[in-house]
Amino acid sequence: MKKTTLATAMTLMAAGMVSGCVANNPAPPAAGTGSPSAGGPLAVTISDDGCDVATAAVPSGRVTFSLVNQGTVKNEFEILADDRLRIVGERENLGPGTTTEYAVVLEPGTYFTACKKNMVGPLVGAKQFTVSDSGRAVEVSQDERQLRDQAVTAYKAYVRDQVGQLTAATAAFVTAYKAGDTAKAKQLYPTARQHYERIEPTAEAFGIKEAGDLDVALDQREVDYQAAGTTSREWSGWHVLEKDLWRPSGYQGLSQAEGVKVADKLSADTKTLYGLVYSDDFTVNLDDISNGAIGLLEEVATSKITGEEEAFSHTDLWDFQANVEGAKVAFGNVEKLAEKKDPELTQQLKTRFAAMQAELDTFKHGEGFVFYDKVSDAQRKTLSNQVNALRRPLAKLTGAILA
């Protein structure tokens, strides 16, 4: 809680974005039951105008929440620091009627729990959440500690590498766009974004006062911007330029000055992300890694599969590939630890990742993919089935490695 961490914010990844659930999950404990000290998940009942956690105090250590969205729209659950700004953990894309478990490690301190209807706008049902000192250190063998340290070190390096490549690729894209080279900018758009899509939860982690909400600034879709109903800021980021490059019918496009302004802000925000992940106090926790993998697949399953992300360019399959790659790298970093804890789950995930990649490979075209508006409903259904077959066991990964 002392740093701007992927952990303190990016459990975000953890938080990731799950809407997810396994349809046959057992019913969560009723409100007021299921406390961590009792060994069960802590029930969180989510509605369009409420966010009720079964208890407001738990001991430190691993905490598992059972999230039930009883509302009519997508929602997200957040754990915030005591400033109610810094995101310590979140689980997104909680679809109506779904139930999912979300595990996170919490240190002693004062937090707030809240939900966010449609994943935009003000916090709903924000309440203080106290984590007392359990006085119990997590006993970890020397071998396991080494595996944990290796996973964290490797994943931290991966995030930095991807953000470094994102910064360079964004600069090339912006140069082409500002020069009026539309063909070049269109070519660079999906490949540059892949670096972002592989580590997107990292940007979400920095939804803090020091940097603003970088994921919103960089990657907000027009439909989400309109749903937020905000007048306090202009729509910015990749998708503004996407719309200008692939102009839908009736859209006149940005003026040169408007386009330059958006492109320059995209560059500046990307450089801000670069500075944050390369800062000395940037770190990740073990559960950030596994929850990040979960979040990346949940986003594909709950929104991207419909074609919502790349509404104008239809380059969604580049995004799918990057999300799967990012999740696979995260899993790979904790694979040895998962193998020790749950070898059956580990083998299942390896098999499902391979099947998911084989399905994506059928859509390859040249050095990229076919455009998503050319993918039939039947093909989308098959893709969706493969995503769901992977995300369900993947949702168990954090629980396995923290066991």
Protein backbone atom coordinates (compact mmCIF):
# COMPACT_ATOMS: atom_id res chain seq x y z
CA MET A 1 0.00 0.00 0.00
CA LYS A 2 3.03 2.19 -0.04
CA LYS A 3 3.67 2.22 -3.74
CA THR A 4 2.02 2.64 -7.08
CA THR A 5 2.04 -1.05 -7.75
CA LEU A 6 0.45 -3.37 -10.17
CA ALA A 7 -0.41 -5.05 -7.01
CA THR A 8 -2.02 -2.16 -5.32
CA ALA A 9 -3.71 -1.18 -8.43
CA MET A 10 -3.25 -3.82 -10.90
CA THR A 11 -4.61 -6.54 -8.87
CA LEU A 12 -6.44 -4.90 -11.26
CA MET A 13 -5.39 -7.49 -13.49
CA ALA A 14 -6.64 -9.58 -10.94
CA ALA A 15 -9.26 -7.43 -10.77
CA GLY A 16 -9.01 -7.90 -14.13
CA MET A 17 -12.11 -8.10 -15.79
CA VAL A 18 -14.13 -11.01 -15.15
CA SER A 19 -17.59 -11.36 -16.05
CA GLY A 20 -17.11 -14.44 -15.65
CA CYS A 21 -18.32 -17.31 -14.42
CA VAL A 22 -18.82 -20.76 -14.62
CA ALA A 23 -22.48 -21.35 -15.07
CA ASN A 24 -22.48 -24.22 -12.63
CA ASN A 25 -20.73 -22.38 -9.81
CA PRO A 26 -22.31 -23.20 -6.48
CA ALA A 27 -24.50 -20.50 -5.04
CA PRO A 28 -22.53 -17.98 -3.00
CA PRO A 29 -22.98 -17.75 0.73
CA ALA A 30 -25.79 -15.52 1.84
CA ALA A 31 -25.06 -12.01 2.99
CA GLY A 32 -23.43 -12.03 6.37
CA THR A 33 -21.84 -15.44 5.84
CA GLY A 34 -18.82 -16.79 4.08
CA SER A 35 -16.18 -14.77 5.86
CA PRO A 36 -12.56 -15.62 5.04
CA SER A 37 -11.94 -16.61 8.63
CA ALA A 38 -14.63 -19.24 8.21
CA GLY A 39 -12.79 -20.60 5.23
CA GLY A 40 -15.38 -19.63 2.63
CA PRO A 41 -15.68 -16.88 0.05
CA LEU A 42 -17.02 -13.50 1.10
CA ALA A 43 -20.37 -12.82 -0.57
CA VAL A 44 -20.74 -9.63 -2.61
CA THR A 45 -24.23 -8.89 -3.92
CA ILE A 46 -24.16 -6.47 -6.85
CA SER A 47 -27.17 -4.65 -8.28
CA ASP A 48 -27.62 -1.65 -10.54
CA ASP A 49 -27.67 0.62 -7.51
CA GLY A 50 -25.96 -1.41 -4.79
CA CYS A 51 -22.75 -3.18 -3.84
CA ASP A 52 -23.22 -5.15 -0.62
CA VAL A 53 -20.28 -7.01 0.91
CA ALA A 54 -21.16 -9.61 3.53
CA THR A 55 -18.81 -8.14 6.10
CA ALA A 56 -16.78 -4.95 6.41
CA ALA A 57 -13.76 -6.45 8.15
CA VAL A 58 -11.47 -9.40 7.45
CA PRO A 59 -8.02 -10.54 8.58
CA SER A 60 -5.07 -9.95 6.29
CA GLY A 61 -3.90 -12.52 3.77
CA ARG A 62 -5.74 -14.19 0.97
CA VAL A 63 -9.34 -13.01 0.63
CA THR A 64 -11.78 -14.63 -1.78
CA PHE A 65 -14.91 -12.78 -2.83
CA SER A 66 -17.94 -14.46 -4.39
CA LEU A 67 -19.33 -11.84 -6.77
CA VAL A 68 -22.97 -12.09 -7.83
CA ASN A 69 -24.39 -9.57 -10.28
CA GLN A 70 -28.14 -9.44 -9.70
CA GLY A 71 -28.48 -6.30 -11.81
CA THR A 72 -29.55 -5.75 -15.40
CA VAL A 73 -26.24 -4.58 -16.93
CA LYS A 74 -22.53 -5.30 -16.78
CA ASN A 75 -20.79 -4.21 -13.60
CA GLU A 76 -17.41 -4.27 -11.90
CA PHE A 77 -16.23 -4.73 -8.33
CA GLU A 78 -13.40 -2.60 -7.00
CA ILE A 79 -11.22 -2.51 -3.90
CA LEU A 80 -9.74 0.94 -3.39
CA ALA A 81 -7.14 2.36 -1.05
CA ASP A 82 -8.21 4.68 1.73
CA ASP A 83 -7.97 7.69 -0.61
CA ARG A 84 -10.78 6.11 -2.67
CA LEU A 85 -8.74 6.80 -5.79
CA ARG A 86 -6.04 4.16 -6.05
CA ILE A 87 -7.36 0.81 -7.24
CA VAL A 88 -5.99 -2.07 -5.22
CA GLY A 89 -7.99 -4.72 -7.01
CA GLU A 90 -10.90 -5.01 -9.40
CA ARG A 91 -12.91 -7.53 -11.33
CA GLU A 92 -14.58 -6.21 -14.46
CA ASN A 93 -17.13 -7.39 -16.99
CA LEU A 94 -19.48 -8.97 -14.50
CA GLY A 95 -22.46 -9.78 -16.67
CA PRO A 96 -26.05 -9.80 -15.38
CA GLY A 97 -26.89 -13.04 -13.61
CA THR A 98 -23.29 -14.22 -13.37
CA THR A 99 -21.38 -15.49 -10.36
CA THR A 100 -17.61 -15.63 -10.09
CA GLU A 101 -14.94 -15.88 -7.42
CA TYR A 102 -12.17 -13.35 -7.17
CA ALA A 103 -9.11 -13.99 -4.99
CA VAL A 104 -6.66 -11.33 -3.86
CA VAL A 105 -4.02 -10.92 -1.16
CA LEU A 106 -4.68 -7.92 1.09
CA GLU A 107 -2.29 -6.37 3.58
CA PRO A 108 -3.54 -4.77 6.81
CA GLY A 109 -5.12 -1.38 6.24
CA THR A 110 -8.25 0.59 5.48
CA TYR A 111 -9.83 0.10 2.08
CA PHE A 112 -13.11 0.82 0.35
CA THR A 113 -15.23 -1.60 -1.66
CA ALA A 114 -17.48 -0.33 -4.44
CA CYS A 115 -19.07 -1.27 -7.73
CA LYS A 116 -19.38 0.58 -11.01
CA LYS A 117 -22.47 0.10 -13.15
CA ASN A 118 -21.60 -0.41 -16.82
CA MET A 119 -17.97 -0.06 -15.67
CA VAL A 120 -18.18 3.72 -16.10
CA GLY A 121 -19.22 6.71 -14.06
CA PRO A 122 -19.30 7.18 -10.28
CA LEU A 123 -18.69 4.53 -7.67
CA VAL A 124 -21.80 2.74 -6.42
CA GLY A 125 -22.20 1.55 -2.84
CA ALA A 126 -18.74 2.58 -1.66
CA LYS A 127 -18.17 1.33 1.88
CA GLN A 128 -15.18 1.15 4.19
CA PHE A 129 -13.50 -2.24 4.32
CA THR A 130 -11.01 -2.92 7.10
CA VAL A 131 -8.25 -5.52 6.91
CA SER A 132 -6.79 -6.28 10.31
CA ASP A 133 -3.40 -7.82 10.91
CA SER A 134 -3.91 -11.55 11.13
CA GLY A 135 -0.49 -11.90 12.70
CA ARG A 136 0.11 -14.88 10.50
CA ALA A 137 2.83 -14.81 7.90
CA VAL A 138 2.16 -16.94 4.87
CA GLU A 139 4.39 -19.95 5.21
CA VAL A 140 6.20 -20.54 1.96
CA SER A 141 8.95 -23.06 1.38
CA GLN A 142 12.26 -21.92 -0.01
CA ASP A 143 11.58 -23.66 -3.30
CA GLU A 144 8.17 -22.03 -3.62
CA ARG A 145 9.56 -18.64 -2.68
CA GLN A 146 12.11 -18.98 -5.46
CA LEU A 147 9.38 -19.84 -7.98
CA ARG A 148 7.31 -16.87 -6.83
CA ASP A 149 10.25 -14.49 -7.09
CA GLN A 150 11.13 -15.78 -10.54
CA ALA A 151 7.55 -15.32 -11.73
CA VAL A 152 7.35 -11.75 -10.47
CA THR A 153 10.73 -10.79 -11.90
CA ALA A 154 9.94 -12.28 -15.30
CA TYR A 155 6.48 -10.75 -15.55
CA LYS A 156 7.69 -7.32 -14.50
CA ALA A 157 10.30 -7.49 -17.27
CA TYR A 158 7.62 -8.58 -19.76
CA VAL A 159 5.37 -5.64 -18.94
CA ARG A 160 8.25 -3.22 -19.32
CA ASP A 161 9.28 -4.76 -22.62
CA GLN A 162 5.77 -4.53 -24.05
CA VAL A 163 5.32 -0.92 -22.93
CA GLY A 164 8.70 -0.07 -24.45
CA GLN A 165 7.64 -1.61 -27.75
CA LEU A 166 4.25 0.10 -27.48
CA THR A 167 5.94 3.47 -27.10
CA ALA A 168 8.04 2.99 -30.22
CA ALA A 169 5.16 1.55 -32.26
CA THR A 170 2.84 4.38 -31.18
CA ALA A 171 5.42 6.95 -32.26
CA ALA A 172 5.61 5.37 -35.72
CA PHE A 173 1.81 5.25 -35.99
CA VAL A 174 1.42 8.88 -34.88
CA THR A 175 4.07 9.99 -37.37
CA ALA A 176 2.23 8.32 -40.24
CA TYR A 177 -1.14 9.64 -39.10
CA LYS A 178 0.04 13.24 -38.71
CA ALA A 179 1.74 13.06 -42.13
CA GLY A 180 -1.58 12.14 -43.71
CA ASP A 181 -0.32 8.70 -44.74
CA THR A 182 -3.62 6.94 -44.13
CA ALA A 183 -2.58 3.62 -45.67
CA LYS A 184 0.51 3.41 -43.47
CA ALA A 185 -1.37 4.46 -40.36
CA LYS A 186 -4.03 1.80 -41.01
CA GLN A 187 -1.31 -0.81 -41.41
CA LEU A 188 0.39 0.17 -38.16
CA TYR A 189 -2.77 0.59 -36.08
CA PRO A 190 -3.57 -3.05 -35.19
CA THR A 191 0.02 -4.20 -34.69
CA ALA A 192 0.92 -1.26 -32.45
CA ARG A 193 -2.16 -1.87 -30.33
CA GLN A 194 -1.21 -5.49 -29.76
CA HIS A 195 1.56 -4.38 -27.38
CA TYR A 196 -1.07 -2.54 -25.36
CA GLU A 197 -3.62 -5.35 -25.45
CA ARG A 198 -1.11 -7.85 -24.05
CA ILE A 199 -0.66 -5.83 -20.85
CA GLU A 200 -3.81 -3.69 -20.73
CA PRO A 201 -4.47 -4.34 -17.02
CA THR A 202 -1.25 -2.47 -16.29
CA ALA A 203 -2.69 0.76 -17.63
CA GLU A 204 -5.88 0.10 -15.69
CA ALA A 205 -3.77 -0.23 -12.59
CA PHE A 206 -2.78 3.37 -12.89
CA GLY A 207 -6.30 4.68 -12.45
CA ILE A 208 -4.85 6.90 -9.75
CA LYS A 209 -4.53 10.56 -8.98
CA GLU A 210 -0.86 10.66 -10.01
CA ALA A 211 -1.62 9.74 -13.62
CA GLY A 212 -5.35 9.87 -14.14
CA ASP A 213 -7.12 6.88 -15.64
CA LEU A 214 -4.68 5.89 -18.35
CA ASP A 215 -6.76 3.06 -19.76
CA VAL A 216 -9.67 5.44 -20.30
CA ALA A 217 -7.39 8.07 -21.83
CA LEU A 218 -5.72 5.59 -24.15
CA ASP A 219 -8.35 3.01 -25.02
CA GLN A 220 -11.91 4.16 -24.35
CA ARG A 221 -14.42 3.19 -27.01
CA GLU A 222 -16.88 5.76 -28.29
CA VAL A 223 -19.89 3.87 -26.96
CA ASP A 224 -18.37 3.85 -23.46
CA TYR A 225 -17.50 7.53 -23.68
CA GLN A 226 -21.07 8.34 -24.65
CA ALA A 227 -22.46 6.08 -21.92
CA ALA A 228 -20.35 7.92 -19.34
CA GLY A 229 -22.11 11.13 -20.32
CA THR A 230 -19.04 13.12 -19.37
CA THR A 231 -18.56 16.74 -20.31
CA SER A 232 -15.47 17.19 -18.17
CA ARG A 233 -13.06 15.89 -20.82
CA GLU A 234 -12.82 15.12 -24.49
CA TRP A 235 -12.83 11.61 -25.91
CA SER A 236 -9.22 10.64 -26.51
CA GLY A 237 -7.01 7.73 -27.46
CA TRP A 238 -6.65 5.05 -30.08
CA HIS A 239 -10.30 4.71 -30.98
CA VAL A 240 -10.73 8.38 -31.83
CA LEU A 241 -8.04 7.97 -34.46
CA GLU A 242 -9.46 4.61 -35.51
CA LYS A 243 -12.78 6.29 -36.30
CA ASP A 244 -11.01 9.03 -38.24
CA LEU A 245 -9.01 6.53 -40.31
CA TRP A 246 -11.95 4.19 -41.03
CA ARG A 247 -14.65 6.81 -41.35
CA PRO A 248 -18.14 5.34 -41.02
CA SER A 249 -20.88 6.55 -43.31
CA GLY A 250 -21.93 10.10 -42.51
CA TYR A 251 -18.87 10.89 -40.40
CA GLN A 252 -16.87 13.84 -41.72
CA GLY A 253 -13.75 13.08 -39.73
CA LEU A 254 -11.41 15.23 -37.66
CA SER A 255 -9.90 18.44 -38.89
CA GLN A 256 -6.13 18.42 -39.23
CA ALA A 257 -5.76 20.41 -36.01
CA GLU A 258 -8.12 18.10 -34.13
CA GLY A 259 -6.32 15.03 -35.39
CA VAL A 260 -2.91 16.36 -34.41
CA LYS A 261 -4.22 17.21 -30.94
CA VAL A 262 -5.56 13.68 -30.38
CA ALA A 263 -2.42 12.05 -31.80
CA ASP A 264 -0.12 14.17 -29.63
CA LYS A 265 -2.14 13.30 -26.53
CA LEU A 266 -1.95 9.60 -27.42
CA SER A 267 1.84 9.92 -27.58
CA ALA A 268 2.00 11.82 -24.31
CA ASP A 269 -0.24 9.36 -22.45
CA THR A 270 1.77 6.42 -23.77
CA LYS A 271 4.96 8.05 -22.54
CA THR A 272 3.31 8.54 -19.13
CA LEU A 273 2.59 4.81 -19.00
CA TYR A 274 6.19 4.11 -19.98
CA GLY A 275 7.46 6.34 -17.16
CA LEU A 276 5.26 4.60 -14.61
CA VAL A 277 6.27 1.04 -15.45
CA TYR A 278 9.94 1.99 -15.64
CA SER A 279 9.88 3.84 -12.32
CA ASP A 280 11.83 2.36 -9.42
CA ASP A 281 8.71 1.70 -7.37
CA PHE A 282 6.86 -0.25 -10.05
CA THR A 283 6.25 -3.81 -8.98
CA VAL A 284 3.76 -6.64 -9.26
CA ASN A 285 2.45 -9.23 -6.88
CA LEU A 286 1.98 -12.89 -7.63
CA ASP A 287 -1.80 -12.60 -7.75
CA ASP A 288 -1.48 -9.66 -10.16
CA ILE A 289 0.03 -12.04 -12.68
CA SER A 290 -2.60 -14.75 -12.52
CA ASN A 291 -5.51 -12.35 -12.16
CA GLY A 292 -4.18 -10.41 -15.11
CA ALA A 293 -4.36 -13.53 -17.24
CA ILE A 294 -7.90 -14.11 -16.06
CA GLY A 295 -8.87 -10.54 -16.84
CA LEU A 296 -7.53 -10.61 -20.37
CA LEU A 297 -9.60 -13.67 -21.28
CA GLU A 298 -12.68 -12.36 -19.53
CA GLU A 299 -12.57 -9.21 -21.63
CA VAL A 300 -12.47 -11.24 -24.82
CA ALA A 301 -15.34 -13.41 -23.63
CA THR A 302 -17.63 -10.64 -22.45
CA SER A 303 -17.16 -7.79 -24.90
CA LYS A 304 -14.59 -8.24 -27.63
CA ILE A 305 -16.15 -11.37 -29.04
CA THR A 306 -19.08 -9.25 -30.22
CA GLY A 307 -16.87 -6.87 -32.18
CA GLU A 308 -17.38 -3.94 -29.83
CA GLU A 309 -13.71 -3.05 -29.46
CA GLU A 310 -12.72 -2.23 -33.04
CA ALA A 311 -16.06 -0.92 -34.26
CA PHE A 312 -14.62 0.97 -37.24
CA SER A 313 -11.46 -0.90 -38.29
CA HIS A 314 -12.75 -4.43 -37.54
CA THR A 315 -9.23 -5.43 -36.48
CA ASP A 316 -10.62 -7.32 -33.48
CA LEU A 317 -8.72 -10.54 -34.19
CA TRP A 318 -5.39 -8.77 -33.72
CA ASP A 319 -6.70 -7.80 -30.26
CA PHE A 320 -7.88 -11.34 -29.53
CA GLN A 321 -4.47 -12.70 -30.42
CA ALA A 322 -2.73 -10.17 -28.17
CA ASN A 323 -5.07 -10.86 -25.24
CA VAL A 324 -4.48 -14.59 -25.55
CA GLU A 325 -0.72 -14.07 -25.83
CA GLY A 326 -0.70 -11.82 -22.77
CA ALA A 327 -2.70 -14.34 -20.77
CA LYS A 328 -0.45 -17.19 -21.91
CA VAL A 329 2.71 -15.31 -20.92
CA ALA A 330 1.22 -14.58 -17.50
CA PHE A 331 0.27 -18.24 -17.08
CA GLY A 332 3.70 -19.32 -18.27
CA ASN A 333 5.35 -17.24 -15.58
CA VAL A 334 3.45 -19.05 -12.82
CA GLU A 335 3.22 -22.42 -14.57
CA LYS A 336 5.89 -24.17 -12.46
CA LEU A 337 4.22 -22.98 -9.30
CA ALA A 338 0.80 -24.05 -10.58
CA GLU A 339 2.24 -27.44 -11.51
CA LYS A 340 3.31 -27.98 -7.90
CA LYS A 341 -0.06 -26.90 -6.55
CA ASP A 342 -2.51 -28.31 -9.09
CA PRO A 343 -0.96 -30.38 -11.89
CA GLU A 344 -4.36 -31.36 -13.32
CA LEU A 345 -5.43 -27.73 -13.72
CA THR A 346 -2.05 -26.84 -15.19
CA GLN A 347 -2.28 -29.53 -17.86
CA GLN A 348 -5.85 -28.52 -18.65
CA LEU A 349 -4.78 -24.92 -19.18
CA LYS A 350 -1.90 -25.91 -21.45
CA THR A 351 -4.30 -27.96 -23.56
CA ARG A 352 -6.89 -25.18 -23.71
CA PHE A 353 -4.34 -22.51 -24.63
CA ALA A 354 -3.15 -24.70 -27.51
CA ALA A 355 -6.73 -25.22 -28.72
CA MET A 356 -7.45 -21.49 -28.49
CA GLN A 357 -4.39 -20.66 -30.57
CA ALA A 358 -5.26 -23.31 -33.15
CA GLU A 359 -8.69 -21.70 -33.56
CA LEU A 360 -7.20 -18.22 -33.96
CA ASP A 361 -4.76 -19.56 -36.53
CA THR A 362 -7.66 -20.45 -38.81
CA PHE A 363 -8.33 -16.73 -39.24
CA LYS A 364 -4.79 -15.74 -40.18
CA HIS A 365 -4.40 -13.83 -43.41
CA GLY A 366 -0.96 -12.79 -44.63
CA GLU A 367 0.91 -11.25 -41.69
CA GLY A 368 -2.31 -10.50 -39.85
CA PHE A 369 -5.89 -11.70 -39.69
CA VAL A 370 -9.11 -11.40 -41.60
CA PHE A 371 -11.23 -8.42 -40.65
CA TYR A 372 -13.84 -9.25 -38.07
CA ASP A 373 -16.80 -8.06 -40.13
CA LYS A 374 -15.95 -10.93 -42.49
CA VAL A 375 -16.25 -13.51 -39.69
CA SER A 376 -19.63 -15.23 -39.75
CA ASP A 377 -21.92 -15.63 -36.75
CA ALA A 378 -21.19 -19.35 -36.73
CA GLN A 379 -17.45 -18.71 -36.69
CA ARG A 380 -17.86 -16.19 -33.89
CA LYS A 381 -19.79 -18.78 -31.92
CA THR A 382 -16.96 -21.30 -32.35
CA LEU A 383 -14.45 -18.68 -31.22
CA SER A 384 -16.63 -17.87 -28.23
CA ASN A 385 -16.81 -21.53 -27.27
CA GLN A 386 -13.01 -21.83 -27.34
CA VAL A 387 -12.62 -18.67 -25.26
CA ASN A 388 -15.08 -19.98 -22.68
CA ALA A 389 -13.40 -23.38 -22.59
CA LEU A 390 -10.15 -21.61 -21.65
CA ARG A 391 -11.40 -18.89 -19.33
CA ARG A 392 -13.32 -21.22 -17.03
CA PRO A 393 -10.30 -23.22 -15.82
CA LEU A 394 -8.17 -20.08 -16.01
CA ALA A 395 -10.49 -18.45 -13.46
CA LYS A 396 -9.20 -21.04 -10.94
CA LEU A 397 -5.53 -20.14 -11.42
CA THR A 398 -5.16 -17.55 -8.66
CA GLY A 399 -6.79 -19.80 -6.12
CA ALA A 400 -4.48 -22.62 -7.12
CA ILE A 401 -1.18 -20.75 -6.88
CA LEU A 402 -2.12 -19.02 -3.61
CA ALA A 403 -3.25 -22.24 -1.97
